[in-house]
Amino acid sequence: MHDPESKRRQRRSAGMVAIALSTMLPWAIPSDGRATPIPAEDALASWLDDESPARGLQDGVDWTLDGSEIVTTANADGALVSDFSVSGDFEFTVRIEAIETPYDDDTVGLLFGYQDSSNHYRLGWEAGGSPDGDPPAGHGGTGARGLWLVVEQAETGTLLYNDPDLFRPQSTPHVFRVGRVGGDVYFTVTEASGAEVASATVSEASFMMGGVGFYSESQTARYGSMDLNSTTTGVPSQLGAGVLILVEPNPFLASTAIQFELTHRTSIVAQIYDVRGRTVRSLAAGSFAEGVHRVDWDGLDADGGKLSAGVYFFRVQGGAVDAAEKLVLLR
């Protein structure tokens, strides 16, 4: 039985969580550029049930499985975000059909580069109802109408693209694609026939690593035919088996202690990455015995420079071990 509240508590709880690439999901992201379908049942079981990105609400969402599609069965606000992060070049595709009701003419869209509901990219399309994030004016809502691409950082949304006169037809399926090539992000929206509705490419490198997903803001909709084409392997960010990681405190101001537990002796490298996928600090390297080990991070880079507040990742790699955990640095 799908229990969003239980899963949300599990994802956000403090304590040891097991994460490993080999047990992320029954499917795997290829590293040769091939698109791989994401089964709806796996996404529903494993992905994060989060608040809507612009309105900051989690209201009325009841994600359910209907054949090969995930459906919101109410005029809902919420998001469903992957339990892995993607770095490097990628393309994420979802077929979305907003369900027409007498009062439902609001927003559906995709998320990528997702750190959390206050730091991400979002592609949204509305049908003449509420604009991006209004009402209420929560998070980094821009108030844009029609079709938009937004980057939100620390609850401040910036429009990368907007066609205020292009409104979404009701009860008509469309294929949404978002992706990255180098320092550019892009999107396309097409009809089911393949005819293009809109597209744009923008130079934007705020988030070079992050989750993917989809969202609804005051809209009933169906989401299916999900594909991910990536030249890099996803970094897991939820549950699995193999490496246990505990970060305390998190978020942190001056320093944090990171404990990781190995199930056998392994040669590993433990590093800190920023959201662009760059290594900013190496914390440990060498052969580590089975058991719990601790490293500390003081929020400084490899040269001793003070890093800015934001989201970072601790990653431990070596042999069959490849696991990561998100860190939030405050200033």
C-alpha atoms as a PDB file:
ATOM      1  CA  MET A   1       0.000   0.000   0.000  1.00  0.00           C
ATOM      2  CA  HIS A   2       1.376   3.418  -0.973  1.00  0.00           C
ATOM      3  CA  ASP A   3       1.902   5.542   2.142  1.00  0.00           C
ATOM      4  CA  PRO A   4       3.288   9.014   1.211  1.00  0.00           C
ATOM      5  CA  GLU A   5       3.592  10.201   4.795  1.00  0.00           C
ATOM      6  CA  SER A   6       5.544   7.128   5.869  1.00  0.00           C
ATOM      7  CA  LYS A   7       7.878   7.432   2.899  1.00  0.00           C
ATOM      8  CA  ARG A   8       8.398  11.143   3.548  1.00  0.00           C
ATOM      9  CA  ARG A   9       9.345  10.441   7.170  1.00  0.00           C
ATOM     10  CA  GLN A  10      11.674   7.676   6.032  1.00  0.00           C
ATOM     11  CA  ARG A  11      13.418   9.910   3.490  1.00  0.00           C
ATOM     12  CA  ARG A  12      13.901  12.849   5.830  1.00  0.00           C
ATOM     13  CA  SER A  13      14.678  11.036   9.064  1.00  0.00           C
ATOM     14  CA  ALA A  14      18.004  11.599  10.790  1.00  0.00           C
ATOM     15  CA  GLY A  15      20.015   8.454  11.261  1.00  0.00           C
ATOM     16  CA  MET A  16      21.770   5.742   9.345  1.00  0.00           C
ATOM     17  CA  VAL A  17      20.313   5.046   5.914  1.00  0.00           C
ATOM     18  CA  ALA A  18      21.649   2.376   3.585  1.00  0.00           C
ATOM     19  CA  ILE A  19      22.353   3.480   0.008  1.00  0.00           C
ATOM     20  CA  ALA A  20      24.045   1.652  -2.831  1.00  0.00           C
ATOM     21  CA  LEU A  21      23.961   1.794  -6.628  1.00  0.00           C
ATOM     22  CA  SER A  22      23.394  -1.910  -7.079  1.00  0.00           C
ATOM     23  CA  THR A  23      20.123  -1.891  -5.176  1.00  0.00           C
ATOM     24  CA  MET A  24      18.581   1.446  -6.121  1.00  0.00           C
ATOM     25  CA  LEU A  25      15.763   0.007  -8.236  1.00  0.00           C
ATOM     26  CA  PRO A  26      15.022  -3.137 -10.270  1.00  0.00           C
ATOM     27  CA  TRP A  27      16.060  -1.136 -13.363  1.00  0.00           C
ATOM     28  CA  ALA A  28      19.391   0.570 -13.966  1.00  0.00           C
ATOM     29  CA  ILE A  29      20.440   3.750 -15.765  1.00  0.00           C
ATOM     30  CA  PRO A  30      22.776   2.876 -18.638  1.00  0.00           C
ATOM     31  CA  SER A  31      26.065   4.722 -19.043  1.00  0.00           C
ATOM     32  CA  ASP A  32      26.191   4.537 -22.863  1.00  0.00           C
ATOM     33  CA  GLY A  33      23.587   7.158 -23.699  1.00  0.00           C
ATOM     34  CA  ARG A  34      20.674   4.768 -24.275  1.00  0.00           C
ATOM     35  CA  ALA A  35      17.229   5.770 -23.055  1.00  0.00           C
ATOM     36  CA  THR A  36      15.802   3.470 -20.399  1.00  0.00           C
ATOM     37  CA  PRO A  37      12.113   3.321 -19.479  1.00  0.00           C
ATOM     38  CA  ILE A  38      11.314   4.008 -15.828  1.00  0.00           C
ATOM     39  CA  PRO A  39       8.462   1.729 -14.723  1.00  0.00           C
ATOM     40  CA  ALA A  40       5.662   3.698 -13.101  1.00  0.00           C
ATOM     41  CA  GLU A  41       5.300   1.127 -10.329  1.00  0.00           C
ATOM     42  CA  ASP A  42       8.974   1.515  -9.359  1.00  0.00           C
ATOM     43  CA  ALA A  43       8.766   5.308  -9.297  1.00  0.00           C
ATOM     44  CA  LEU A  44       5.605   5.187  -7.191  1.00  0.00           C
ATOM     45  CA  ALA A  45       7.223   2.788  -4.704  1.00  0.00           C
ATOM     46  CA  SER A  46      10.603   4.523  -4.377  1.00  0.00           C
ATOM     47  CA  TRP A  47      10.454   8.199  -5.317  1.00  0.00           C
ATOM     48  CA  LEU A  48      10.089  11.071  -2.859  1.00  0.00           C
ATOM     49  CA  ASP A  49       6.579  12.422  -2.321  1.00  0.00           C
ATOM     50  CA  ASP A  50       7.355  16.133  -1.889  1.00  0.00           C
ATOM     51  CA  GLU A  51       5.610  19.495  -1.818  1.00  0.00           C
ATOM     52  CA  SER A  52       4.810  21.431  -4.987  1.00  0.00           C
ATOM     53  CA  PRO A  53       7.845  23.495  -6.019  1.00  0.00           C
ATOM     54  CA  ALA A  54       6.379  26.976  -6.585  1.00  0.00           C
ATOM     55  CA  ARG A  55       3.395  26.984  -4.222  1.00  0.00           C
ATOM     56  CA  GLY A  56       5.177  25.103  -1.438  1.00  0.00           C
ATOM     57  CA  LEU A  57       2.132  22.937  -0.781  1.00  0.00           C
ATOM     58  CA  GLN A  58       1.433  19.255  -0.347  1.00  0.00           C
ATOM     59  CA  ASP A  59      -2.323  19.247  -0.576  1.00  0.00           C
ATOM     60  CA  GLY A  60      -4.726  16.605  -1.864  1.00  0.00           C
ATOM     61  CA  VAL A  61      -2.052  14.466  -3.516  1.00  0.00           C
ATOM     62  CA  ASP A  62      -2.845  10.784  -3.740  1.00  0.00           C
ATOM     63  CA  TRP A  63      -0.418   9.329  -6.269  1.00  0.00           C
ATOM     64  CA  THR A  64      -1.913   6.068  -7.529  1.00  0.00           C
ATOM     65  CA  LEU A  65      -1.009   3.508 -10.179  1.00  0.00           C
ATOM     66  CA  ASP A  66      -3.384   3.107 -13.123  1.00  0.00           C
ATOM     67  CA  GLY A  67      -1.922   0.566 -15.524  1.00  0.00           C
ATOM     68  CA  SER A  68       1.403   2.002 -16.684  1.00  0.00           C
ATOM     69  CA  GLU A  69       0.656   5.545 -15.487  1.00  0.00           C
ATOM     70  CA  ILE A  70       0.826   7.462 -12.213  1.00  0.00           C
ATOM     71  CA  VAL A  71      -2.314   9.503 -11.569  1.00  0.00           C
ATOM     72  CA  THR A  72      -3.230  12.314  -9.200  1.00  0.00           C
ATOM     73  CA  THR A  73      -6.854  11.597  -8.390  1.00  0.00           C
ATOM     74  CA  ALA A  74      -7.663  15.032  -6.968  1.00  0.00           C
ATOM     75  CA  ASN A  75      -7.156  18.724  -7.691  1.00  0.00           C
ATOM     76  CA  ALA A  76      -3.749  18.371  -6.087  1.00  0.00           C
ATOM     77  CA  ASP A  77      -0.500  20.106  -5.153  1.00  0.00           C
ATOM     78  CA  GLY A  78       2.633  17.996  -4.899  1.00  0.00           C
ATOM     79  CA  ALA A  79       5.686  16.504  -6.583  1.00  0.00           C
ATOM     80  CA  LEU A  80       7.178  13.062  -7.114  1.00  0.00           C
ATOM     81  CA  VAL A  81      10.995  13.171  -7.317  1.00  0.00           C
ATOM     82  CA  SER A  82      13.530  10.443  -8.115  1.00  0.00           C
ATOM     83  CA  ASP A  83      15.447   8.591  -5.405  1.00  0.00           C
ATOM     84  CA  PHE A  84      18.659   9.139  -7.398  1.00  0.00           C
ATOM     85  CA  SER A  85      20.566  12.125  -8.770  1.00  0.00           C
ATOM     86  CA  VAL A  86      21.803  12.491 -12.329  1.00  0.00           C
ATOM     87  CA  SER A  87      24.956  14.388 -13.264  1.00  0.00           C
ATOM     88  CA  GLY A  88      26.371  15.286 -16.664  1.00  0.00           C
ATOM     89  CA  ASP A  89      24.400  15.240 -19.906  1.00  0.00           C
ATOM     90  CA  PHE A  90      20.940  13.675 -19.776  1.00  0.00           C
ATOM     91  CA  GLU A  91      17.378  13.815 -21.096  1.00  0.00           C
ATOM     92  CA  PHE A  92      14.275  13.056 -19.047  1.00  0.00           C
ATOM     93  CA  THR A  93      10.930  12.459 -20.771  1.00  0.00           C
ATOM     94  CA  VAL A  94       7.390  12.132 -19.401  1.00  0.00           C
ATOM     95  CA  ARG A  95       4.038  11.933 -21.166  1.00  0.00           C
ATOM     96  CA  ILE A  96       1.556  14.119 -19.257  1.00  0.00           C
ATOM     97  CA  GLU A  97      -2.178  14.419 -19.704  1.00  0.00           C
ATOM     98  CA  ALA A  98      -3.987  16.938 -17.530  1.00  0.00           C
ATOM     99  CA  ILE A  99      -7.488  15.702 -16.758  1.00  0.00           C
ATOM    100  CA  GLU A 100     -10.244  18.159 -17.558  1.00  0.00           C
ATOM    101  CA  THR A 101     -12.788  19.034 -14.896  1.00  0.00           C
ATOM    102  CA  PRO A 102     -15.041  22.096 -14.615  1.00  0.00           C
ATOM    103  CA  TYR A 103     -12.557  23.790 -12.263  1.00  0.00           C
ATOM    104  CA  ASP A 104      -9.174  22.261 -13.174  1.00  0.00           C
ATOM    105  CA  ASP A 105      -7.112  24.507 -15.495  1.00  0.00           C
ATOM    106  CA  ASP A 106      -3.865  24.843 -13.585  1.00  0.00           C
ATOM    107  CA  THR A 107      -0.252  23.573 -13.753  1.00  0.00           C
ATOM    108  CA  VAL A 108       1.579  20.361 -14.613  1.00  0.00           C
ATOM    109  CA  GLY A 109       5.278  20.036 -15.329  1.00  0.00           C
ATOM    110  CA  LEU A 110       8.701  18.470 -14.864  1.00  0.00           C
ATOM    111  CA  LEU A 111      11.507  18.937 -12.337  1.00  0.00           C
ATOM    112  CA  PHE A 112      15.255  18.423 -12.824  1.00  0.00           C
ATOM    113  CA  GLY A 113      18.510  19.399 -11.142  1.00  0.00           C
ATOM    114  CA  TYR A 114      16.413  18.845  -8.018  1.00  0.00           C
ATOM    115  CA  GLN A 115      18.098  19.487  -4.654  1.00  0.00           C
ATOM    116  CA  ASP A 116      14.870  20.224  -2.798  1.00  0.00           C
ATOM    117  CA  SER A 117      11.657  22.173  -3.316  1.00  0.00           C
ATOM    118  CA  SER A 118      13.570  25.458  -2.948  1.00  0.00           C
ATOM    119  CA  ASN A 119      16.489  24.624  -5.268  1.00  0.00           C
ATOM    120  CA  HIS A 120      15.773  23.122  -8.702  1.00  0.00           C
ATOM    121  CA  TYR A 121      14.697  23.687 -12.296  1.00  0.00           C
ATOM    122  CA  ARG A 122      11.017  23.383 -13.224  1.00  0.00           C
ATOM    123  CA  LEU A 123       9.167  23.361 -16.538  1.00  0.00           C
ATOM    124  CA  GLY A 124       5.516  24.251 -16.009  1.00  0.00           C
ATOM    125  CA  TRP A 125       2.481  24.669 -18.265  1.00  0.00           C
ATOM    126  CA  GLU A 126      -0.919  25.964 -17.210  1.00  0.00           C
ATOM    127  CA  ALA A 127      -4.293  26.146 -18.954  1.00  0.00           C
ATOM    128  CA  GLY A 128      -5.404  29.635 -17.968  1.00  0.00           C
ATOM    129  CA  GLY A 129      -5.822  29.076 -14.235  1.00  0.00           C
ATOM    130  CA  SER A 130      -3.234  29.956 -11.592  1.00  0.00           C
ATOM    131  CA  PRO A 131       0.186  31.309 -12.649  1.00  0.00           C
ATOM    132  CA  ASP A 132       3.510  29.934 -11.425  1.00  0.00           C
ATOM    133  CA  GLY A 133       3.344  29.861  -7.639  1.00  0.00           C
ATOM    134  CA  ASP A 134       0.221  31.997  -7.169  1.00  0.00           C
ATOM    135  CA  PRO A 135      -1.870  31.667  -5.134  1.00  0.00           C
ATOM    136  CA  PRO A 136      -0.323  31.411  -2.663  1.00  0.00           C
ATOM    137  CA  ALA A 137       2.961  33.160  -3.360  1.00  0.00           C
ATOM    138  CA  GLY A 138       4.993  30.379  -1.801  1.00  0.00           C
ATOM    139  CA  HIS A 139       8.617  29.451  -2.389  1.00  0.00           C
ATOM    140  CA  GLY A 140      10.058  31.028  -5.538  1.00  0.00           C
ATOM    141  CA  GLY A 141       6.879  31.490  -7.560  1.00  0.00           C
ATOM    142  CA  THR A 142       7.429  33.919 -10.445  1.00  0.00           C
ATOM    143  CA  GLY A 143       3.808  34.643 -11.326  1.00  0.00           C
ATOM    144  CA  ALA A 144       4.485  33.593 -14.938  1.00  0.00           C
ATOM    145  CA  ARG A 145       1.539  32.629 -17.145  1.00  0.00           C
ATOM    146  CA  GLY A 146       1.346  30.105 -19.977  1.00  0.00           C
ATOM    147  CA  LEU A 147       4.509  28.015 -20.381  1.00  0.00           C
ATOM    148  CA  TRP A 148       7.662  28.642 -18.347  1.00  0.00           C
ATOM    149  CA  LEU A 149      11.111  27.335 -17.430  1.00  0.00           C
ATOM    150  CA  VAL A 150      12.354  28.500 -14.017  1.00  0.00           C
ATOM    151  CA  VAL A 151      15.488  28.045 -11.970  1.00  0.00           C
ATOM    152  CA  GLU A 152      14.792  28.412  -8.252  1.00  0.00           C
ATOM    153  CA  GLN A 153      17.614  28.993  -5.766  1.00  0.00           C
ATOM    154  CA  ALA A 154      16.999  29.499  -2.047  1.00  0.00           C
ATOM    155  CA  GLU A 155      13.301  30.183  -2.690  1.00  0.00           C
ATOM    156  CA  THR A 156      14.031  32.787  -5.378  1.00  0.00           C
ATOM    157  CA  GLY A 157      12.679  31.893  -8.814  1.00  0.00           C
ATOM    158  CA  THR A 158      14.190  33.283 -12.023  1.00  0.00           C
ATOM    159  CA  LEU A 159      12.513  32.907 -15.410  1.00  0.00           C
ATOM    160  CA  LEU A 160      14.728  31.290 -18.038  1.00  0.00           C
ATOM    161  CA  TYR A 161      11.910  31.098 -20.605  1.00  0.00           C
ATOM    162  CA  ASN A 162       8.290  32.203 -20.731  1.00  0.00           C
ATOM    163  CA  ASP A 163       5.548  32.243 -23.356  1.00  0.00           C
ATOM    164  CA  PRO A 164       2.694  33.966 -21.498  1.00  0.00           C
ATOM    165  CA  ASP A 165       0.218  33.418 -24.343  1.00  0.00           C
ATOM    166  CA  LEU A 166       0.724  29.667 -24.785  1.00  0.00           C
ATOM    167  CA  PHE A 167      -1.871  27.894 -22.666  1.00  0.00           C
ATOM    168  CA  ARG A 168      -2.160  24.141 -22.282  1.00  0.00           C
ATOM    169  CA  PRO A 169      -5.141  22.418 -23.950  1.00  0.00           C
ATOM    170  CA  GLN A 170      -7.205  20.375 -21.517  1.00  0.00           C
ATOM    171  CA  SER A 171      -7.393  16.554 -21.687  1.00  0.00           C
ATOM    172  CA  THR A 172      -4.751  16.407 -24.418  1.00  0.00           C
ATOM    173  CA  PRO A 173      -1.602  14.330 -23.866  1.00  0.00           C
ATOM    174  CA  HIS A 174       1.765  16.001 -24.461  1.00  0.00           C
ATOM    175  CA  VAL A 175       5.332  14.762 -24.223  1.00  0.00           C
ATOM    176  CA  PHE A 176       7.557  16.893 -21.967  1.00  0.00           C
ATOM    177  CA  ARG A 177      11.360  16.627 -22.312  1.00  0.00           C
ATOM    178  CA  VAL A 178      14.031  18.362 -20.247  1.00  0.00           C
ATOM    179  CA  GLY A 179      17.768  17.857 -20.304  1.00  0.00           C
ATOM    180  CA  ARG A 180      21.282  19.178 -20.168  1.00  0.00           C
ATOM    181  CA  VAL A 181      24.154  19.320 -22.648  1.00  0.00           C
ATOM    182  CA  GLY A 182      27.300  20.782 -21.088  1.00  0.00           C
ATOM    183  CA  GLY A 183      26.478  24.204 -19.646  1.00  0.00           C
ATOM    184  CA  ASP A 184      23.056  24.407 -21.337  1.00  0.00           C
ATOM    185  CA  VAL A 185      19.646  23.222 -20.198  1.00  0.00           C
ATOM    186  CA  TYR A 186      16.822  22.659 -22.666  1.00  0.00           C
ATOM    187  CA  PHE A 187      13.208  21.584 -22.981  1.00  0.00           C
ATOM    188  CA  THR A 188      10.773  20.525 -25.667  1.00  0.00           C
ATOM    189  CA  VAL A 189       7.021  20.031 -25.495  1.00  0.00           C
ATOM    190  CA  THR A 190       5.403  18.044 -28.301  1.00  0.00           C
ATOM    191  CA  GLU A 191       1.986  16.720 -29.126  1.00  0.00           C
ATOM    192  CA  ALA A 192       1.481  12.951 -28.961  1.00  0.00           C
ATOM    193  CA  SER A 193       1.875  12.958 -32.763  1.00  0.00           C
ATOM    194  CA  GLY A 194       5.382  14.395 -32.400  1.00  0.00           C
ATOM    195  CA  ALA A 195       4.486  17.905 -33.598  1.00  0.00           C
ATOM    196  CA  GLU A 196       6.465  20.474 -31.628  1.00  0.00           C
ATOM    197  CA  VAL A 197       4.587  22.926 -29.432  1.00  0.00           C
ATOM    198  CA  ALA A 198       7.546  24.771 -27.891  1.00  0.00           C
ATOM    199  CA  SER A 199      11.275  24.380 -27.209  1.00  0.00           C
ATOM    200  CA  ALA A 200      14.200  26.400 -25.907  1.00  0.00           C
ATOM    201  CA  THR A 201      17.858  26.048 -24.930  1.00  0.00           C
ATOM    202  CA  VAL A 202      19.352  28.282 -22.226  1.00  0.00           C
ATOM    203  CA  SER A 203      22.880  28.661 -20.875  1.00  0.00           C
ATOM    204  CA  GLU A 204      22.441  27.753 -17.175  1.00  0.00           C
ATOM    205  CA  ALA A 205      24.767  25.821 -14.859  1.00  0.00           C
ATOM    206  CA  SER A 206      23.423  26.383 -11.343  1.00  0.00           C
ATOM    207  CA  PHE A 207      22.629  22.703 -10.747  1.00  0.00           C
ATOM    208  CA  MET A 208      24.835  20.199 -12.584  1.00  0.00           C
ATOM    209  CA  MET A 209      23.610  17.305 -10.436  1.00  0.00           C
ATOM    210  CA  GLY A 210      20.187  16.541  -9.027  1.00  0.00           C
ATOM    211  CA  GLY A 211      17.004  14.536  -9.103  1.00  0.00           C
ATOM    212  CA  VAL A 212      14.313  14.440 -11.793  1.00  0.00           C
ATOM    213  CA  GLY A 213      10.567  14.214 -11.406  1.00  0.00           C
ATOM    214  CA  PHE A 214       7.190  15.778 -12.122  1.00  0.00           C
ATOM    215  CA  TYR A 215       4.720  17.981 -10.283  1.00  0.00           C
ATOM    216  CA  SER A 216       1.149  19.185 -10.125  1.00  0.00           C
ATOM    217  CA  GLU A 217      -0.105  22.497  -8.767  1.00  0.00           C
ATOM    218  CA  SER A 218      -3.887  22.503  -8.245  1.00  0.00           C
ATOM    219  CA  GLN A 219      -4.292  20.051 -11.135  1.00  0.00           C
ATOM    220  CA  THR A 220      -5.489  16.473 -11.714  1.00  0.00           C
ATOM    221  CA  ALA A 221      -3.251  14.650 -14.203  1.00  0.00           C
ATOM    222  CA  ARG A 222      -1.788  11.405 -15.560  1.00  0.00           C
ATOM    223  CA  TYR A 223       1.993  10.806 -15.878  1.00  0.00           C
ATOM    224  CA  GLY A 224       3.460   7.956 -17.919  1.00  0.00           C
ATOM    225  CA  SER A 225       5.967   6.781 -20.568  1.00  0.00           C
ATOM    226  CA  MET A 226       8.905   7.954 -18.439  1.00  0.00           C
ATOM    227  CA  ASP A 227      12.392   7.621 -19.942  1.00  0.00           C
ATOM    228  CA  LEU A 228      15.848   8.680 -18.792  1.00  0.00           C
ATOM    229  CA  ASN A 229      18.731   8.981 -21.235  1.00  0.00           C
ATOM    230  CA  SER A 230      21.969   9.633 -19.350  1.00  0.00           C
ATOM    231  CA  THR A 231      25.671   9.362 -20.114  1.00  0.00           C
ATOM    232  CA  THR A 232      26.424   9.051 -16.397  1.00  0.00           C
ATOM    233  CA  THR A 233      25.179   6.714 -13.704  1.00  0.00           C
ATOM    234  CA  GLY A 234      22.696   8.019 -11.169  1.00  0.00           C
ATOM    235  CA  VAL A 235      23.873   8.692  -7.638  1.00  0.00           C
ATOM    236  CA  PRO A 236      21.394   7.104  -5.221  1.00  0.00           C
ATOM    237  CA  SER A 237      19.874   9.313  -2.563  1.00  0.00           C
ATOM    238  CA  GLN A 238      17.448   7.058  -0.726  1.00  0.00           C
ATOM    239  CA  LEU A 239      17.400   3.438   0.369  1.00  0.00           C
ATOM    240  CA  GLY A 240      19.362   0.366  -0.617  1.00  0.00           C
ATOM    241  CA  ALA A 241      21.883  -1.936   1.040  1.00  0.00           C
ATOM    242  CA  GLY A 242      25.630  -1.871   1.485  1.00  0.00           C
ATOM    243  CA  VAL A 243      26.916   1.409   2.956  1.00  0.00           C
ATOM    244  CA  LEU A 244      25.451   3.111   6.011  1.00  0.00           C
ATOM    245  CA  ILE A 245      25.884   6.891   6.303  1.00  0.00           C
ATOM    246  CA  LEU A 246      25.084   9.183   9.231  1.00  0.00           C
ATOM    247  CA  VAL A 247      25.559  12.962   9.053  1.00  0.00           C
ATOM    248  CA  GLU A 248      25.143  14.937  12.263  1.00  0.00           C
ATOM    249  CA  PRO A 249      24.291  17.790  12.377  1.00  0.00           C
ATOM    250  CA  ASN A 250      22.676  18.287   9.000  1.00  0.00           C
ATOM    251  CA  PRO A 251      22.050  21.123   8.140  1.00  0.00           C
ATOM    252  CA  PHE A 252      25.155  22.548   9.845  1.00  0.00           C
ATOM    253  CA  LEU A 253      26.854  25.886  10.404  1.00  0.00           C
ATOM    254  CA  ALA A 254      30.549  25.362  11.167  1.00  0.00           C
ATOM    255  CA  SER A 255      31.279  21.649  10.882  1.00  0.00           C
ATOM    256  CA  THR A 256      29.599  18.270  10.682  1.00  0.00           C
ATOM    257  CA  ALA A 257      30.594  14.701  11.511  1.00  0.00           C
ATOM    258  CA  ILE A 258      30.046  12.070   8.820  1.00  0.00           C
ATOM    259  CA  GLN A 259      30.041   8.396   9.782  1.00  0.00           C
ATOM    260  CA  PHE A 260      29.964   5.602   7.221  1.00  0.00           C
ATOM    261  CA  GLU A 261      29.870   1.878   7.841  1.00  0.00           C
ATOM    262  CA  LEU A 262      31.522  -0.662   5.530  1.00  0.00           C
ATOM    263  CA  THR A 263      30.491  -4.302   5.423  1.00  0.00           C
ATOM    264  CA  HIS A 264      34.033  -5.465   4.483  1.00  0.00           C
ATOM    265  CA  ARG A 265      37.570  -4.075   4.078  1.00  0.00           C
ATOM    266  CA  THR A 266      37.602  -1.776   1.058  1.00  0.00           C
ATOM    267  CA  SER A 267      39.879   0.808  -0.527  1.00  0.00           C
ATOM    268  CA  ILE A 268      37.732   3.925  -0.764  1.00  0.00           C
ATOM    269  CA  VAL A 269      37.836   7.644  -1.503  1.00  0.00           C
ATOM    270  CA  ALA A 270      35.510   9.962   0.451  1.00  0.00           C
ATOM    271  CA  GLN A 271      34.879  13.348  -1.149  1.00  0.00           C
ATOM    272  CA  ILE A 272      32.607  16.399  -1.062  1.00  0.00           C
ATOM    273  CA  TYR A 273      30.910  17.522  -4.296  1.00  0.00           C
ATOM    274  CA  ASP A 274      28.979  20.691  -5.091  1.00  0.00           C
ATOM    275  CA  VAL A 275      25.700  20.737  -7.017  1.00  0.00           C
ATOM    276  CA  ARG A 276      27.603  21.149 -10.294  1.00  0.00           C
ATOM    277  CA  GLY A 277      29.276  17.802  -9.731  1.00  0.00           C
ATOM    278  CA  ARG A 278      32.706  19.298  -8.984  1.00  0.00           C
ATOM    279  CA  THR A 279      34.920  17.826  -6.265  1.00  0.00           C
ATOM    280  CA  VAL A 280      35.489  20.573  -3.700  1.00  0.00           C
ATOM    281  CA  ARG A 281      37.229  18.569  -0.966  1.00  0.00           C
ATOM    282  CA  SER A 282      38.716  15.091  -0.428  1.00  0.00           C
ATOM    283  CA  LEU A 283      38.182  13.903   3.149  1.00  0.00           C
ATOM    284  CA  ALA A 284      39.740  10.437   3.169  1.00  0.00           C
ATOM    285  CA  ALA A 285      41.429   7.867   0.946  1.00  0.00           C
ATOM    286  CA  GLY A 286      42.926   4.433   1.543  1.00  0.00           C
ATOM    287  CA  SER A 287      42.071   0.960   2.765  1.00  0.00           C
ATOM    288  CA  PHE A 288      39.376   0.915   5.447  1.00  0.00           C
ATOM    289  CA  ALA A 289      38.425  -2.091   7.570  1.00  0.00           C
ATOM    290  CA  GLU A 290      34.929  -3.407   8.072  1.00  0.00           C
ATOM    291  CA  GLY A 291      32.986  -1.271  10.531  1.00  0.00           C
ATOM    292  CA  VAL A 292      32.102   2.358  11.264  1.00  0.00           C
ATOM    293  CA  HIS A 293      34.454   5.195  10.282  1.00  0.00           C
ATOM    294  CA  ARG A 294      34.215   8.933  10.832  1.00  0.00           C
ATOM    295  CA  VAL A 295      35.354  11.959   8.857  1.00  0.00           C
ATOM    296  CA  ASP A 296      34.669  15.616   9.695  1.00  0.00           C
ATOM    297  CA  TRP A 297      34.007  18.454   7.282  1.00  0.00           C
ATOM    298  CA  ASP A 298      34.406  22.096   8.256  1.00  0.00           C
ATOM    299  CA  GLY A 299      32.721  23.628   5.197  1.00  0.00           C
ATOM    300  CA  LEU A 300      36.046  24.563   3.587  1.00  0.00           C
ATOM    301  CA  ASP A 301      37.320  23.662   0.128  1.00  0.00           C
ATOM    302  CA  ALA A 302      40.617  21.942  -0.727  1.00  0.00           C
ATOM    303  CA  ASP A 303      42.502  25.255  -0.454  1.00  0.00           C
ATOM    304  CA  GLY A 304      41.033  26.158   2.920  1.00  0.00           C
ATOM    305  CA  GLY A 305      38.585  28.635   1.421  1.00  0.00           C
ATOM    306  CA  LYS A 306      35.201  29.180   3.017  1.00  0.00           C
ATOM    307  CA  LEU A 307      32.467  27.719   0.828  1.00  0.00           C
ATOM    308  CA  SER A 308      29.155  29.480   0.377  1.00  0.00           C
ATOM    309  CA  ALA A 309      25.955  28.213   1.944  1.00  0.00           C
ATOM    310  CA  GLY A 310      24.087  25.632  -0.084  1.00  0.00           C
ATOM    311  CA  VAL A 311      23.660  21.971  -0.939  1.00  0.00           C
ATOM    312  CA  TYR A 312      26.679  19.637  -1.169  1.00  0.00           C
ATOM    313  CA  PHE A 313      27.116  15.874  -1.428  1.00  0.00           C
ATOM    314  CA  PHE A 314      29.304  13.505   0.552  1.00  0.00           C
ATOM    315  CA  ARG A 315      30.265  10.525  -1.622  1.00  0.00           C
ATOM    316  CA  VAL A 316      32.226   7.403  -0.734  1.00  0.00           C
ATOM    317  CA  GLN A 317      33.512   5.238  -3.600  1.00  0.00           C
ATOM    318  CA  GLY A 318      35.691   2.169  -4.017  1.00  0.00           C
ATOM    319  CA  GLY A 319      35.306  -1.360  -5.324  1.00  0.00           C
ATOM    320  CA  ALA A 320      31.609  -2.244  -5.177  1.00  0.00           C
ATOM    321  CA  VAL A 321      30.917   0.746  -2.891  1.00  0.00           C
ATOM    322  CA  ASP A 322      29.372   3.894  -4.370  1.00  0.00           C
ATOM    323  CA  ALA A 323      27.088   5.849  -2.057  1.00  0.00           C
ATOM    324  CA  ALA A 324      26.200   9.458  -1.354  1.00  0.00           C
ATOM    325  CA  GLU A 325      24.319  11.689   1.050  1.00  0.00           C
ATOM    326  CA  LYS A 326      23.153  15.300   0.739  1.00  0.00           C
ATOM    327  CA  LEU A 327      24.604  17.914   3.114  1.00  0.00           C
ATOM    328  CA  VAL A 328      23.201  21.403   3.715  1.00  0.00           C
ATOM    329  CA  LEU A 329      25.743  24.075   4.715  1.00  0.00           C
ATOM    330  CA  LEU A 330      24.377  27.178   6.445  1.00  0.00           C
ATOM    331  CA  ARG A 331      26.158  30.491   6.949  1.00  0.00           C
END
